[in-house]
Amino acid sequence: MYSYRSISDLASVISKNINIVPVDIDLVVGVPRSGMLPASMIALYLNTPLTDIYSYIDNRPLMAGQTRRVKKNSLSQCNQAKHILVVDDSIASGKSMKIAMSLLSEIKNNVKITYCCIYGVPEAKSIVDIVFENVSMPRVFEWNIFHHHALESSCFDIDGVLCVDPTNEQNDDGEKYKEFILNAMPLFIPTKKVKYLVTSRLEKYRLETECWLKNHNVNYEKLFMLDLPDAETRRKLGAHSKFKSEVYNKEISTTLFIESELNQAINIANSTGKDVFCTETMTLVKPAASLIPQVNKIKANFKIFLVRGIRYLRRQILSK
């Protein structure tokens, strides 16, 4: 079961905790690439200049937009900063941040440096100065999920994930559909090898599908397709999520399914008891069983509240 944070979660945790950033920060320095996203958000909230770590090391000029005034006496060069905030999106082993620290240690200018990661683990406190939120491992983020090592044990849908969905006109289960498969616009192409591709496309379109996957450098171990005669039969059987669930459930080494449609994602998660990431909503869908402890806790708290309320009312009545 993965811990997941979206871009919306990232923005929320930054806005709620921006007060823990030192007030005298005069330059925010992001660690490329993932660190630039939270670094930009923090710089906007603080109204301070923003740069990346390599531009800072090279002392490149600092640029600002024309629609907002930055702080009075703002910087024009990186080396004018007296207190910088170095930001990365997350920390676990600390490898990336230690590299950043090593690079900055070679700069001989009396600048004060505060190191910050948005998402961390308890041990990260010994490496960086600020962690906005501890998030348990294993974890994935909206901005890195298609490049995460979790893909090596994942199943991927194709239409709506790797490529756009066909239009109604293209989805004719014939020549137009073949043309669509061969020329479909790509969406989210993973940079890691995917364990399995599991699609409700029919087996008769395997050749065209494999051709497209090769042309777009999609690296995968095995392709599962529906072995049915036509799309009409597939619709009558409602075989989409059932087929995907059967493959996902059978292959015990898989820990994540990337699905395009929310309803199918919910069905797959509930029928397999495993996590499903939905590209329609950019959310991680958890199986219903995983919510039971939370529901039980709410029920228990409500029961305690109810009992206490009854006792209070009884005392009030007896006192009169």
C-alpha atoms as a PDB file:
ATOM      1  CA  MET A   1       0.000   0.000   0.000  1.00  0.00           C
ATOM      2  CA  TYR A   2       1.473   3.312  -1.117  1.00  0.00           C
ATOM      3  CA  SER A   3       1.338   6.709   0.547  1.00  0.00           C
ATOM      4  CA  TYR A   4       0.340   9.282  -2.075  1.00  0.00           C
ATOM      5  CA  ARG A   5       0.475  13.061  -2.324  1.00  0.00           C
ATOM      6  CA  SER A   6      -0.962  15.141  -5.177  1.00  0.00           C
ATOM      7  CA  ILE A   7       0.078  18.583  -6.411  1.00  0.00           C
ATOM      8  CA  SER A   8      -2.954  19.897  -4.524  1.00  0.00           C
ATOM      9  CA  ASP A   9      -1.665  18.234  -1.334  1.00  0.00           C
ATOM     10  CA  LEU A  10       1.740  19.794  -1.947  1.00  0.00           C
ATOM     11  CA  ALA A  11       0.286  23.286  -2.291  1.00  0.00           C
ATOM     12  CA  SER A  12      -1.828  22.783   0.823  1.00  0.00           C
ATOM     13  CA  VAL A  13       0.967  21.584   3.109  1.00  0.00           C
ATOM     14  CA  ILE A  14       3.194  24.469   1.976  1.00  0.00           C
ATOM     15  CA  SER A  15       0.545  27.143   2.569  1.00  0.00           C
ATOM     16  CA  LYS A  16      -0.308  25.727   6.004  1.00  0.00           C
ATOM     17  CA  ASN A  17       3.332  25.546   7.126  1.00  0.00           C
ATOM     18  CA  ILE A  18       4.939  28.526   5.420  1.00  0.00           C
ATOM     19  CA  ASN A  19       5.338  30.121   8.870  1.00  0.00           C
ATOM     20  CA  ILE A  20       8.103  27.654   9.782  1.00  0.00           C
ATOM     21  CA  VAL A  21      10.370  29.087   7.084  1.00  0.00           C
ATOM     22  CA  PRO A  22      12.806  31.653   8.529  1.00  0.00           C
ATOM     23  CA  VAL A  23      11.614  35.209   7.906  1.00  0.00           C
ATOM     24  CA  ASP A  24      15.005  36.455   6.711  1.00  0.00           C
ATOM     25  CA  ILE A  25      15.225  34.114   3.687  1.00  0.00           C
ATOM     26  CA  ASP A  26      16.104  36.293   0.711  1.00  0.00           C
ATOM     27  CA  LEU A  27      16.538  33.628  -1.996  1.00  0.00           C
ATOM     28  CA  VAL A  28      14.842  30.266  -2.599  1.00  0.00           C
ATOM     29  CA  VAL A  29      16.998  27.654  -4.350  1.00  0.00           C
ATOM     30  CA  GLY A  30      15.317  24.578  -5.828  1.00  0.00           C
ATOM     31  CA  VAL A  31      16.959  21.198  -6.408  1.00  0.00           C
ATOM     32  CA  PRO A  32      16.097  20.199 -10.019  1.00  0.00           C
ATOM     33  CA  ARG A  33      13.794  18.846 -11.136  1.00  0.00           C
ATOM     34  CA  SER A  34      11.239  17.836  -8.527  1.00  0.00           C
ATOM     35  CA  GLY A  35      12.448  20.408  -6.018  1.00  0.00           C
ATOM     36  CA  MET A  36      11.650  23.283  -8.368  1.00  0.00           C
ATOM     37  CA  LEU A  37       7.898  22.743  -7.977  1.00  0.00           C
ATOM     38  CA  PRO A  38       7.732  23.349  -4.194  1.00  0.00           C
ATOM     39  CA  ALA A  39      10.559  25.900  -4.401  1.00  0.00           C
ATOM     40  CA  SER A  40       8.463  27.991  -6.785  1.00  0.00           C
ATOM     41  CA  MET A  41       5.425  27.800  -4.482  1.00  0.00           C
ATOM     42  CA  ILE A  42       7.476  28.817  -1.449  1.00  0.00           C
ATOM     43  CA  ALA A  43       9.139  31.706  -3.319  1.00  0.00           C
ATOM     44  CA  LEU A  44       5.720  33.014  -4.380  1.00  0.00           C
ATOM     45  CA  TYR A  45       4.408  32.897  -0.808  1.00  0.00           C
ATOM     46  CA  LEU A  46       7.532  34.607   0.562  1.00  0.00           C
ATOM     47  CA  ASN A  47       7.691  37.005  -2.383  1.00  0.00           C
ATOM     48  CA  THR A  48      11.406  36.283  -2.779  1.00  0.00           C
ATOM     49  CA  PRO A  49      13.545  35.555  -5.857  1.00  0.00           C
ATOM     50  CA  LEU A  50      13.824  31.977  -7.088  1.00  0.00           C
ATOM     51  CA  THR A  51      16.637  30.050  -8.755  1.00  0.00           C
ATOM     52  CA  ASP A  52      17.913  26.502  -9.137  1.00  0.00           C
ATOM     53  CA  ILE A  53      20.988  25.143  -7.436  1.00  0.00           C
ATOM     54  CA  TYR A  54      23.179  25.111 -10.575  1.00  0.00           C
ATOM     55  CA  SER A  55      22.256  28.695 -11.467  1.00  0.00           C
ATOM     56  CA  TYR A  56      23.078  29.662  -7.886  1.00  0.00           C
ATOM     57  CA  ILE A  57      26.500  27.999  -8.090  1.00  0.00           C
ATOM     58  CA  ASP A  58      27.184  29.778 -11.407  1.00  0.00           C
ATOM     59  CA  ASN A  59      25.952  33.085  -9.911  1.00  0.00           C
ATOM     60  CA  ARG A  60      23.568  33.745 -12.795  1.00  0.00           C
ATOM     61  CA  PRO A  61      21.416  36.903 -12.827  1.00  0.00           C
ATOM     62  CA  LEU A  62      18.073  36.641 -11.056  1.00  0.00           C
ATOM     63  CA  MET A  63      14.952  37.385 -13.068  1.00  0.00           C
ATOM     64  CA  ALA A  64      11.484  38.419 -11.885  1.00  0.00           C
ATOM     65  CA  GLY A  65       8.128  38.874 -13.562  1.00  0.00           C
ATOM     66  CA  GLN A  66       6.564  42.237 -14.328  1.00  0.00           C
ATOM     67  CA  THR A  67       3.216  41.802 -12.544  1.00  0.00           C
ATOM     68  CA  ARG A  68       4.434  41.682  -8.946  1.00  0.00           C
ATOM     69  CA  ARG A  69       6.959  43.663  -6.944  1.00  0.00           C
ATOM     70  CA  VAL A  70       9.390  41.559  -4.971  1.00  0.00           C
ATOM     71  CA  LYS A  71      10.752  42.669  -1.631  1.00  0.00           C
ATOM     72  CA  LYS A  72      12.470  46.015  -1.301  1.00  0.00           C
ATOM     73  CA  ASN A  73      16.198  45.871  -2.044  1.00  0.00           C
ATOM     74  CA  SER A  74      15.675  42.625  -3.959  1.00  0.00           C
ATOM     75  CA  LEU A  75      18.642  40.771  -5.393  1.00  0.00           C
ATOM     76  CA  SER A  76      19.947  40.966  -8.931  1.00  0.00           C
ATOM     77  CA  GLN A  77      22.670  38.306  -8.545  1.00  0.00           C
ATOM     78  CA  CYS A  78      22.645  35.020  -6.662  1.00  0.00           C
ATOM     79  CA  ASN A  79      25.748  35.822  -4.636  1.00  0.00           C
ATOM     80  CA  GLN A  80      24.035  38.837  -3.074  1.00  0.00           C
ATOM     81  CA  ALA A  81      21.848  36.544  -0.960  1.00  0.00           C
ATOM     82  CA  LYS A  82      22.609  36.400   2.755  1.00  0.00           C
ATOM     83  CA  HIS A  83      20.263  33.550   3.706  1.00  0.00           C
ATOM     84  CA  ILE A  84      19.123  30.963   1.137  1.00  0.00           C
ATOM     85  CA  LEU A  85      16.524  28.234   1.445  1.00  0.00           C
ATOM     86  CA  VAL A  86      17.469  25.063  -0.461  1.00  0.00           C
ATOM     87  CA  VAL A  87      14.324  23.092  -1.319  1.00  0.00           C
ATOM     88  CA  ASP A  88      13.646  19.543  -2.517  1.00  0.00           C
ATOM     89  CA  ASP A  89      10.283  17.809  -2.737  1.00  0.00           C
ATOM     90  CA  SER A  90      11.163  14.822  -0.566  1.00  0.00           C
ATOM     91  CA  ILE A  91      13.854  13.029   1.361  1.00  0.00           C
ATOM     92  CA  ALA A  92      14.337   9.395   2.333  1.00  0.00           C
ATOM     93  CA  SER A  93      17.958   8.252   2.271  1.00  0.00           C
ATOM     94  CA  GLY A  94      19.093  11.845   1.807  1.00  0.00           C
ATOM     95  CA  LYS A  95      21.258  11.045  -1.223  1.00  0.00           C
ATOM     96  CA  SER A  96      20.014  13.920  -3.422  1.00  0.00           C
ATOM     97  CA  MET A  97      20.192  16.478  -0.652  1.00  0.00           C
ATOM     98  CA  LYS A  98      23.683  15.383   0.348  1.00  0.00           C
ATOM     99  CA  ILE A  99      24.818  15.930  -3.233  1.00  0.00           C
ATOM    100  CA  ALA A 100      23.340  19.429  -3.100  1.00  0.00           C
ATOM    101  CA  MET A 101      25.098  20.074   0.200  1.00  0.00           C
ATOM    102  CA  SER A 102      28.386  18.901  -1.261  1.00  0.00           C
ATOM    103  CA  LEU A 103      28.033  21.244  -4.243  1.00  0.00           C
ATOM    104  CA  LEU A 104      27.231  24.218  -2.024  1.00  0.00           C
ATOM    105  CA  SER A 105      30.070  23.475   0.384  1.00  0.00           C
ATOM    106  CA  GLU A 106      32.528  24.464  -2.338  1.00  0.00           C
ATOM    107  CA  ILE A 107      31.192  28.027  -2.434  1.00  0.00           C
ATOM    108  CA  LYS A 108      33.236  30.309  -0.200  1.00  0.00           C
ATOM    109  CA  ASN A 109      30.874  33.187   0.574  1.00  0.00           C
ATOM    110  CA  ASN A 110      29.506  33.562   4.097  1.00  0.00           C
ATOM    111  CA  VAL A 111      25.921  32.816   3.129  1.00  0.00           C
ATOM    112  CA  LYS A 112      23.612  31.156   5.624  1.00  0.00           C
ATOM    113  CA  ILE A 113      21.909  28.031   4.242  1.00  0.00           C
ATOM    114  CA  THR A 114      18.701  26.404   5.479  1.00  0.00           C
ATOM    115  CA  TYR A 115      17.859  23.030   3.949  1.00  0.00           C
ATOM    116  CA  CYS A 116      14.204  22.124   3.461  1.00  0.00           C
ATOM    117  CA  CYS A 117      12.240  19.118   2.183  1.00  0.00           C
ATOM    118  CA  ILE A 118       8.468  19.064   1.944  1.00  0.00           C
ATOM    119  CA  TYR A 119       7.953  15.333   2.525  1.00  0.00           C
ATOM    120  CA  GLY A 120      10.269  13.298   4.686  1.00  0.00           C
ATOM    121  CA  VAL A 121      10.671  10.480   7.170  1.00  0.00           C
ATOM    122  CA  PRO A 122      11.484  10.962  10.887  1.00  0.00           C
ATOM    123  CA  GLU A 123      15.187  10.220  10.281  1.00  0.00           C
ATOM    124  CA  ALA A 124      15.389  13.157   7.836  1.00  0.00           C
ATOM    125  CA  LYS A 125      15.603  15.593  10.745  1.00  0.00           C
ATOM    126  CA  SER A 126      19.251  14.627  11.117  1.00  0.00           C
ATOM    127  CA  ILE A 127      19.943  15.701   7.522  1.00  0.00           C
ATOM    128  CA  VAL A 128      17.818  18.785   6.806  1.00  0.00           C
ATOM    129  CA  ASP A 129      16.592  21.701   8.891  1.00  0.00           C
ATOM    130  CA  ILE A 130      12.939  21.711   7.843  1.00  0.00           C
ATOM    131  CA  VAL A 131      10.516  18.907   6.946  1.00  0.00           C
ATOM    132  CA  PHE A 132       6.927  20.000   6.294  1.00  0.00           C
ATOM    133  CA  GLU A 133       5.332  16.555   6.656  1.00  0.00           C
ATOM    134  CA  ASN A 134       6.451  13.011   7.419  1.00  0.00           C
ATOM    135  CA  VAL A 135       5.036  10.542   4.887  1.00  0.00           C
ATOM    136  CA  SER A 136       5.597   6.827   5.350  1.00  0.00           C
ATOM    137  CA  MET A 137       7.311   4.680   2.750  1.00  0.00           C
ATOM    138  CA  PRO A 138       6.671   3.424   0.136  1.00  0.00           C
ATOM    139  CA  ARG A 139       5.287   6.625  -1.335  1.00  0.00           C
ATOM    140  CA  VAL A 140       4.537   8.126  -4.729  1.00  0.00           C
ATOM    141  CA  PHE A 141       3.713  11.656  -5.847  1.00  0.00           C
ATOM    142  CA  GLU A 142       1.568  12.960  -8.689  1.00  0.00           C
ATOM    143  CA  TRP A 143       4.594  14.646 -10.262  1.00  0.00           C
ATOM    144  CA  ASN A 144       6.855  11.573 -10.222  1.00  0.00           C
ATOM    145  CA  ILE A 145       4.574   8.553 -10.503  1.00  0.00           C
ATOM    146  CA  PHE A 146       5.355   7.931 -14.191  1.00  0.00           C
ATOM    147  CA  HIS A 147       9.082   7.893 -13.436  1.00  0.00           C
ATOM    148  CA  HIS A 148       9.006   5.991 -10.135  1.00  0.00           C
ATOM    149  CA  HIS A 149      10.597   2.597  -9.475  1.00  0.00           C
ATOM    150  CA  ALA A 150       7.108   1.413  -8.430  1.00  0.00           C
ATOM    151  CA  LEU A 151       6.362   1.033 -12.149  1.00  0.00           C
ATOM    152  CA  GLU A 152       8.619  -2.013 -12.206  1.00  0.00           C
ATOM    153  CA  SER A 153       5.892  -3.876 -10.306  1.00  0.00           C
ATOM    154  CA  SER A 154       2.895  -2.147 -11.858  1.00  0.00           C
ATOM    155  CA  CYS A 155       0.148  -2.801 -14.409  1.00  0.00           C
ATOM    156  CA  PHE A 156      -0.710  -0.105 -16.974  1.00  0.00           C
ATOM    157  CA  ASP A 157      -3.873   0.551 -18.906  1.00  0.00           C
ATOM    158  CA  ILE A 158      -3.220   1.962 -22.397  1.00  0.00           C
ATOM    159  CA  ASP A 159      -6.051   4.191 -23.655  1.00  0.00           C
ATOM    160  CA  GLY A 160      -6.308   7.246 -21.420  1.00  0.00           C
ATOM    161  CA  VAL A 161      -2.949   6.486 -19.816  1.00  0.00           C
ATOM    162  CA  LEU A 162      -0.221   5.884 -22.378  1.00  0.00           C
ATOM    163  CA  CYS A 163      -2.237   7.553 -25.132  1.00  0.00           C
ATOM    164  CA  VAL A 164      -5.439   9.537 -25.623  1.00  0.00           C
ATOM    165  CA  ASP A 165      -8.797   7.773 -25.797  1.00  0.00           C
ATOM    166  CA  PRO A 166     -10.314   7.220 -29.247  1.00  0.00           C
ATOM    167  CA  THR A 167     -13.235   9.405 -30.292  1.00  0.00           C
ATOM    168  CA  ASN A 168     -16.602   7.786 -30.963  1.00  0.00           C
ATOM    169  CA  GLU A 169     -15.901   8.045 -34.677  1.00  0.00           C
ATOM    170  CA  GLN A 170     -12.492   6.381 -34.347  1.00  0.00           C
ATOM    171  CA  ASN A 171     -13.826   3.639 -32.093  1.00  0.00           C
ATOM    172  CA  ASP A 172     -15.529   1.695 -34.921  1.00  0.00           C
ATOM    173  CA  ASP A 173     -13.847  -1.668 -34.203  1.00  0.00           C
ATOM    174  CA  GLY A 174     -12.524  -1.567 -37.760  1.00  0.00           C
ATOM    175  CA  GLU A 175     -10.147   0.316 -40.028  1.00  0.00           C
ATOM    176  CA  LYS A 176     -10.610   3.686 -38.312  1.00  0.00           C
ATOM    177  CA  TYR A 177      -9.759   2.099 -34.991  1.00  0.00           C
ATOM    178  CA  LYS A 178      -6.630   0.497 -36.450  1.00  0.00           C
ATOM    179  CA  GLU A 179      -5.583   3.888 -37.775  1.00  0.00           C
ATOM    180  CA  PHE A 180      -6.204   5.407 -34.348  1.00  0.00           C
ATOM    181  CA  ILE A 181      -4.029   2.803 -32.612  1.00  0.00           C
ATOM    182  CA  LEU A 182      -1.141   3.345 -35.006  1.00  0.00           C
ATOM    183  CA  ASN A 183      -1.261   7.156 -34.720  1.00  0.00           C
ATOM    184  CA  ALA A 184      -2.643   7.825 -31.232  1.00  0.00           C
ATOM    185  CA  MET A 185      -1.220  10.876 -29.460  1.00  0.00           C
ATOM    186  CA  PRO A 186       0.849   9.879 -26.428  1.00  0.00           C
ATOM    187  CA  LEU A 187      -0.106  11.014 -22.910  1.00  0.00           C
ATOM    188  CA  PHE A 188       1.977   9.655 -20.017  1.00  0.00           C
ATOM    189  CA  ILE A 189       4.986   7.699 -21.264  1.00  0.00           C
ATOM    190  CA  PRO A 190       6.811   6.015 -18.353  1.00  0.00           C
ATOM    191  CA  THR A 191      10.581   6.273 -18.117  1.00  0.00           C
ATOM    192  CA  LYS A 192      10.849   2.988 -16.198  1.00  0.00           C
ATOM    193  CA  LYS A 193      10.125  -0.520 -17.414  1.00  0.00           C
ATOM    194  CA  VAL A 194       6.507  -1.426 -16.718  1.00  0.00           C
ATOM    195  CA  LYS A 195       5.745  -4.908 -15.432  1.00  0.00           C
ATOM    196  CA  TYR A 196       2.523  -5.520 -17.406  1.00  0.00           C
ATOM    197  CA  LEU A 197       0.330  -3.666 -19.864  1.00  0.00           C
ATOM    198  CA  VAL A 198      -3.282  -4.716 -19.274  1.00  0.00           C
ATOM    199  CA  THR A 199      -5.758  -3.320 -21.767  1.00  0.00           C
ATOM    200  CA  SER A 200      -9.351  -4.036 -22.758  1.00  0.00           C
ATOM    201  CA  ARG A 201      -8.282  -3.620 -26.363  1.00  0.00           C
ATOM    202  CA  LEU A 202      -9.059  -6.775 -28.294  1.00  0.00           C
ATOM    203  CA  GLU A 203      -6.406  -9.382 -29.067  1.00  0.00           C
ATOM    204  CA  LYS A 204      -6.951  -8.879 -32.808  1.00  0.00           C
ATOM    205  CA  TYR A 205      -5.299  -5.427 -32.472  1.00  0.00           C
ATOM    206  CA  ARG A 206      -2.089  -6.757 -30.914  1.00  0.00           C
ATOM    207  CA  LEU A 207       0.109  -6.079 -33.956  1.00  0.00           C
ATOM    208  CA  GLU A 208      -0.946  -2.418 -34.228  1.00  0.00           C
ATOM    209  CA  THR A 209      -0.679  -1.946 -30.453  1.00  0.00           C
ATOM    210  CA  GLU A 210       2.834  -3.421 -30.272  1.00  0.00           C
ATOM    211  CA  CYS A 211       3.888  -1.244 -33.202  1.00  0.00           C
ATOM    212  CA  TRP A 212       2.732   1.921 -31.389  1.00  0.00           C
ATOM    213  CA  LEU A 213       4.415   0.865 -28.146  1.00  0.00           C
ATOM    214  CA  LYS A 214       7.701   0.307 -29.954  1.00  0.00           C
ATOM    215  CA  ASN A 215       7.488   3.647 -31.764  1.00  0.00           C
ATOM    216  CA  HIS A 216       6.995   5.448 -28.446  1.00  0.00           C
ATOM    217  CA  ASN A 217       9.695   3.554 -26.557  1.00  0.00           C
ATOM    218  CA  VAL A 218       7.369   2.011 -23.991  1.00  0.00           C
ATOM    219  CA  ASN A 219       9.394  -0.627 -22.162  1.00  0.00           C
ATOM    220  CA  TYR A 220       7.311  -3.452 -20.690  1.00  0.00           C
ATOM    221  CA  GLU A 221       7.526  -7.112 -19.760  1.00  0.00           C
ATOM    222  CA  LYS A 222       4.211  -8.459 -21.094  1.00  0.00           C
ATOM    223  CA  LEU A 223       1.059  -7.234 -22.857  1.00  0.00           C
ATOM    224  CA  PHE A 224      -2.336  -8.642 -21.814  1.00  0.00           C
ATOM    225  CA  MET A 225      -5.285  -8.079 -24.210  1.00  0.00           C
ATOM    226  CA  LEU A 226      -8.913  -9.237 -24.228  1.00  0.00           C
ATOM    227  CA  ASP A 227      -9.449 -12.368 -26.281  1.00  0.00           C
ATOM    228  CA  LEU A 228     -12.980 -11.646 -27.531  1.00  0.00           C
ATOM    229  CA  PRO A 229     -14.333 -11.575 -31.109  1.00  0.00           C
ATOM    230  CA  ASP A 230     -15.496  -7.945 -31.203  1.00  0.00           C
ATOM    231  CA  ALA A 231     -16.216  -4.766 -29.244  1.00  0.00           C
ATOM    232  CA  GLU A 232     -19.947  -5.531 -29.093  1.00  0.00           C
ATOM    233  CA  THR A 233     -19.259  -8.754 -27.194  1.00  0.00           C
ATOM    234  CA  ARG A 234     -16.959  -6.858 -24.842  1.00  0.00           C
ATOM    235  CA  ARG A 235     -19.671  -4.282 -24.127  1.00  0.00           C
ATOM    236  CA  LYS A 236     -22.300  -6.958 -23.466  1.00  0.00           C
ATOM    237  CA  LEU A 237     -20.010  -8.773 -21.055  1.00  0.00           C
ATOM    238  CA  GLY A 238     -18.885  -5.568 -19.338  1.00  0.00           C
ATOM    239  CA  ALA A 239     -15.440  -7.110 -19.376  1.00  0.00           C
ATOM    240  CA  HIS A 240     -13.277  -4.016 -18.944  1.00  0.00           C
ATOM    241  CA  SER A 241     -12.536  -3.810 -15.209  1.00  0.00           C
ATOM    242  CA  LYS A 242     -13.187  -7.521 -14.622  1.00  0.00           C
ATOM    243  CA  PHE A 243     -10.421  -8.515 -17.039  1.00  0.00           C
ATOM    244  CA  LYS A 244      -7.969  -6.007 -15.600  1.00  0.00           C
ATOM    245  CA  SER A 245      -8.773  -7.093 -12.047  1.00  0.00           C
ATOM    246  CA  GLU A 246      -8.194 -10.758 -12.879  1.00  0.00           C
ATOM    247  CA  VAL A 247      -4.724 -10.063 -14.273  1.00  0.00           C
ATOM    248  CA  TYR A 248      -3.782  -7.667 -11.466  1.00  0.00           C
ATOM    249  CA  ASN A 249      -5.001 -10.072  -8.782  1.00  0.00           C
ATOM    250  CA  LYS A 250      -3.394 -13.153 -10.337  1.00  0.00           C
ATOM    251  CA  GLU A 251       0.030 -11.542 -10.738  1.00  0.00           C
ATOM    252  CA  ILE A 252       0.987 -11.344  -7.059  1.00  0.00           C
ATOM    253  CA  SER A 253       4.211  -9.430  -7.764  1.00  0.00           C
ATOM    254  CA  THR A 254       2.216  -6.376  -8.912  1.00  0.00           C
ATOM    255  CA  THR A 255       1.551  -3.642  -6.354  1.00  0.00           C
ATOM    256  CA  LEU A 256       0.047  -0.815  -8.422  1.00  0.00           C
ATOM    257  CA  PHE A 257      -2.372  -0.451 -11.345  1.00  0.00           C
ATOM    258  CA  ILE A 258      -2.497   2.694 -13.486  1.00  0.00           C
ATOM    259  CA  GLU A 259      -6.049   3.076 -14.831  1.00  0.00           C
ATOM    260  CA  SER A 260      -7.707   5.839 -16.848  1.00  0.00           C
ATOM    261  CA  GLU A 261     -11.334   5.734 -15.664  1.00  0.00           C
ATOM    262  CA  LEU A 262     -12.377   6.388 -12.070  1.00  0.00           C
ATOM    263  CA  ASN A 263     -15.220   3.859 -11.945  1.00  0.00           C
ATOM    264  CA  GLN A 264     -12.957   1.126 -13.269  1.00  0.00           C
ATOM    265  CA  ALA A 265     -10.226   2.176 -10.842  1.00  0.00           C
ATOM    266  CA  ILE A 266     -12.636   1.794  -7.909  1.00  0.00           C
ATOM    267  CA  ASN A 267     -13.817  -1.611  -9.151  1.00  0.00           C
ATOM    268  CA  ILE A 268     -10.261  -2.852  -9.656  1.00  0.00           C
ATOM    269  CA  ALA A 269      -9.121  -1.641  -6.216  1.00  0.00           C
ATOM    270  CA  ASN A 270     -12.092  -3.185  -4.423  1.00  0.00           C
ATOM    271  CA  SER A 271     -11.934  -6.527  -6.232  1.00  0.00           C
ATOM    272  CA  THR A 272      -8.172  -6.983  -5.805  1.00  0.00           C
ATOM    273  CA  GLY A 273      -7.518  -5.251  -2.473  1.00  0.00           C
ATOM    274  CA  LYS A 274      -4.625  -3.361  -4.088  1.00  0.00           C
ATOM    275  CA  ASP A 275      -3.879   0.272  -4.959  1.00  0.00           C
ATOM    276  CA  VAL A 276      -4.968   1.832  -8.255  1.00  0.00           C
ATOM    277  CA  PHE A 277      -3.824   5.216  -9.578  1.00  0.00           C
ATOM    278  CA  CYS A 278      -6.453   6.953 -11.719  1.00  0.00           C
ATOM    279  CA  THR A 279      -5.308   9.391 -14.418  1.00  0.00           C
ATOM    280  CA  GLU A 280      -8.833  10.790 -14.817  1.00  0.00           C
ATOM    281  CA  THR A 281      -8.673  12.341 -11.342  1.00  0.00           C
ATOM    282  CA  MET A 282      -4.952  12.034 -10.566  1.00  0.00           C
ATOM    283  CA  THR A 283      -5.806  10.240  -7.333  1.00  0.00           C
ATOM    284  CA  LEU A 284      -4.684   7.025  -5.681  1.00  0.00           C
ATOM    285  CA  VAL A 285      -7.728   4.812  -5.203  1.00  0.00           C
ATOM    286  CA  LYS A 286      -7.520   2.591  -2.124  1.00  0.00           C
ATOM    287  CA  PRO A 287      -9.513  -0.648  -1.728  1.00  0.00           C
ATOM    288  CA  ALA A 288     -12.608  -0.229   0.437  1.00  0.00           C
ATOM    289  CA  ALA A 289     -11.228  -2.692   3.021  1.00  0.00           C
ATOM    290  CA  SER A 290      -8.357  -0.317   3.776  1.00  0.00           C
ATOM    291  CA  LEU A 291     -10.903   2.288   4.919  1.00  0.00           C
ATOM    292  CA  ILE A 292     -12.496  -0.007   7.529  1.00  0.00           C
ATOM    293  CA  PRO A 293     -10.059   0.910  10.369  1.00  0.00           C
ATOM    294  CA  GLN A 294     -10.755   4.611   9.758  1.00  0.00           C
ATOM    295  CA  VAL A 295     -14.521   4.054   9.732  1.00  0.00           C
ATOM    296  CA  ASN A 296     -14.324   1.974  12.926  1.00  0.00           C
ATOM    297  CA  LYS A 297     -12.330   4.719  14.633  1.00  0.00           C
ATOM    298  CA  ILE A 298     -14.936   7.313  13.671  1.00  0.00           C
ATOM    299  CA  LYS A 299     -17.711   5.043  14.977  1.00  0.00           C
ATOM    300  CA  ALA A 300     -15.834   4.460  18.245  1.00  0.00           C
ATOM    301  CA  ASN A 301     -15.255   8.200  18.746  1.00  0.00           C
ATOM    302  CA  PHE A 302     -18.898   8.931  18.025  1.00  0.00           C
ATOM    303  CA  LYS A 303     -19.979   6.287  20.549  1.00  0.00           C
ATOM    304  CA  ILE A 304     -17.734   7.830  23.226  1.00  0.00           C
ATOM    305  CA  PHE A 305     -19.099  11.291  22.427  1.00  0.00           C
ATOM    306  CA  LEU A 306     -22.679   9.996  22.620  1.00  0.00           C
ATOM    307  CA  VAL A 307     -22.152   8.239  25.976  1.00  0.00           C
ATOM    308  CA  ARG A 308     -20.511  11.328  27.456  1.00  0.00           C
ATOM    309  CA  GLY A 309     -23.378  13.481  26.202  1.00  0.00           C
ATOM    310  CA  ILE A 310     -25.985  11.222  27.781  1.00  0.00           C
ATOM    311  CA  ARG A 311     -24.102  11.210  31.088  1.00  0.00           C
ATOM    312  CA  TYR A 312     -23.884  15.017  31.025  1.00  0.00           C
ATOM    313  CA  LEU A 313     -27.614  15.376  30.357  1.00  0.00           C
ATOM    314  CA  ARG A 314     -28.411  12.907  33.151  1.00  0.00           C
ATOM    315  CA  ARG A 315     -26.314  14.896  35.641  1.00  0.00           C
ATOM    316  CA  GLN A 316     -28.023  18.122  34.567  1.00  0.00           C
ATOM    317  CA  ILE A 317     -31.480  16.568  35.080  1.00  0.00           C
ATOM    318  CA  LEU A 318     -30.593  15.065  38.484  1.00  0.00           C
ATOM    319  CA  SER A 319     -29.088  18.341  39.694  1.00  0.00           C
ATOM    320  CA  LYS A 320     -32.451  20.007  39.196  1.00  0.00           C
END
